[in-house]
């Protein structure tokens, strides 16, 4: 199972109005937790700022923002400590 770090979960929680206080799992759907199209933009900015990366345009798609795990795995492709 994919482990989602607490720091990443903290960033996500500020954009997920329907997330409870329990741990987020890789399979949690971001849309079901309240992430909308404007939220995606704000979340992207926060993730890029927090990790000092820029996600390439070709990775900015619906599947990247489908679940907690898909977003974390996409970040792993561009964030050197995760490679």
Protein backbone atom coordinates (compact mmCIF):
# COMPACT_ATOMS: atom_id res chain seq x y z
CA UNK A 1 0.00 0.00 0.00
CA UNK A 2 1.20 3.48 -0.86
CA UNK A 3 2.15 5.48 2.24
CA UNK A 4 0.96 9.10 2.10
CA UNK A 5 3.19 11.35 4.27
CA UNK A 6 1.58 13.52 6.95
CA UNK A 7 2.94 16.74 5.43
CA UNK A 8 1.33 15.97 2.09
CA UNK A 9 -1.92 15.08 3.84
CA UNK A 10 -1.84 18.43 5.64
CA UNK A 11 -1.54 20.28 2.34
CA UNK A 12 -4.41 18.28 0.88
CA UNK A 13 -6.73 18.79 3.85
CA UNK A 14 -6.85 22.55 3.34
CA UNK A 15 -8.45 21.87 -0.06
CA UNK A 16 -10.75 18.98 0.87
CA UNK A 17 -13.83 20.28 2.70
CA UNK A 18 -15.37 16.80 3.09
CA UNK A 19 -12.30 15.05 4.48
CA UNK A 20 -12.64 13.91 8.06
CA UNK A 21 -9.81 14.03 10.57
CA UNK A 22 -8.74 10.43 9.87
CA UNK A 23 -5.76 9.49 7.76
CA UNK A 24 -6.12 9.94 4.03
CA UNK A 25 -5.41 6.83 1.96
CA UNK A 26 -4.07 6.50 -1.55
CA UNK A 27 -7.49 5.35 -2.76
CA UNK A 28 -9.43 8.36 -1.44
CA UNK A 29 -11.02 10.21 -4.35
CA UNK A 30 -10.23 13.92 -4.30
CA UNK A 31 -13.51 14.90 -5.99
CA UNK A 32 -15.55 12.97 -3.42
CA UNK A 33 -13.69 14.85 -0.70
CA UNK A 34 -14.77 18.17 -2.19
CA UNK A 35 -11.95 19.12 -4.56
CA UNK A 36 -13.41 21.14 -7.43
CA UNK A 37 -11.78 22.75 -10.47
CA UNK A 38 -10.81 25.93 -8.62
CA UNK A 39 -9.54 23.83 -5.75
CA UNK A 40 -7.31 21.92 -8.16
CA UNK A 41 -5.61 25.17 -9.17
CA UNK A 42 -5.08 26.25 -5.57
CA UNK A 43 -3.89 22.78 -4.55
CA UNK A 44 -1.45 22.69 -7.44
CA UNK A 45 0.08 26.01 -6.36
CA UNK A 46 0.38 24.84 -2.74
CA UNK A 47 1.96 21.50 -3.71
CA UNK A 48 4.43 23.13 -6.09
CA UNK A 49 5.37 25.73 -3.46
CA UNK A 50 5.73 23.18 -0.66
CA UNK A 51 7.92 20.80 -2.66
CA UNK A 52 9.78 23.37 -4.78
CA UNK A 53 8.77 21.80 -8.07
CA UNK A 54 6.68 22.61 -11.10
CA UNK A 55 4.48 19.87 -12.49
CA UNK A 56 4.78 19.80 -16.29
CA UNK A 57 1.64 20.60 -18.26
CA UNK A 58 1.45 17.06 -19.64
CA UNK A 59 0.94 15.76 -16.08
CA UNK A 60 -1.88 18.20 -15.30
CA UNK A 61 -4.85 16.05 -16.16
CA UNK A 62 -7.89 14.44 -14.62
CA UNK A 63 -6.11 11.22 -13.69
CA UNK A 64 -3.41 13.09 -11.77
CA UNK A 65 -6.05 14.68 -9.54
CA UNK A 66 -8.29 11.61 -9.26
CA UNK A 67 -7.06 10.25 -5.93
CA UNK A 68 -4.68 11.09 -3.13
CA UNK A 69 -2.36 8.37 -4.39
CA UNK A 70 -2.40 9.45 -8.03
CA UNK A 71 -1.41 12.98 -7.06
CA UNK A 72 1.33 11.72 -4.72
CA UNK A 73 2.70 9.37 -7.39
CA UNK A 74 2.72 12.19 -9.95
CA UNK A 75 4.63 14.39 -7.52
CA UNK A 76 7.11 11.54 -7.08
CA UNK A 77 7.98 11.73 -10.79
CA UNK A 78 9.25 15.31 -10.47
CA UNK A 79 10.41 15.62 -6.85
CA UNK A 80 14.00 14.33 -6.61
CA UNK A 81 13.87 12.95 -3.02
CA UNK A 82 11.09 10.55 -4.11
CA UNK A 83 12.83 9.20 -7.23
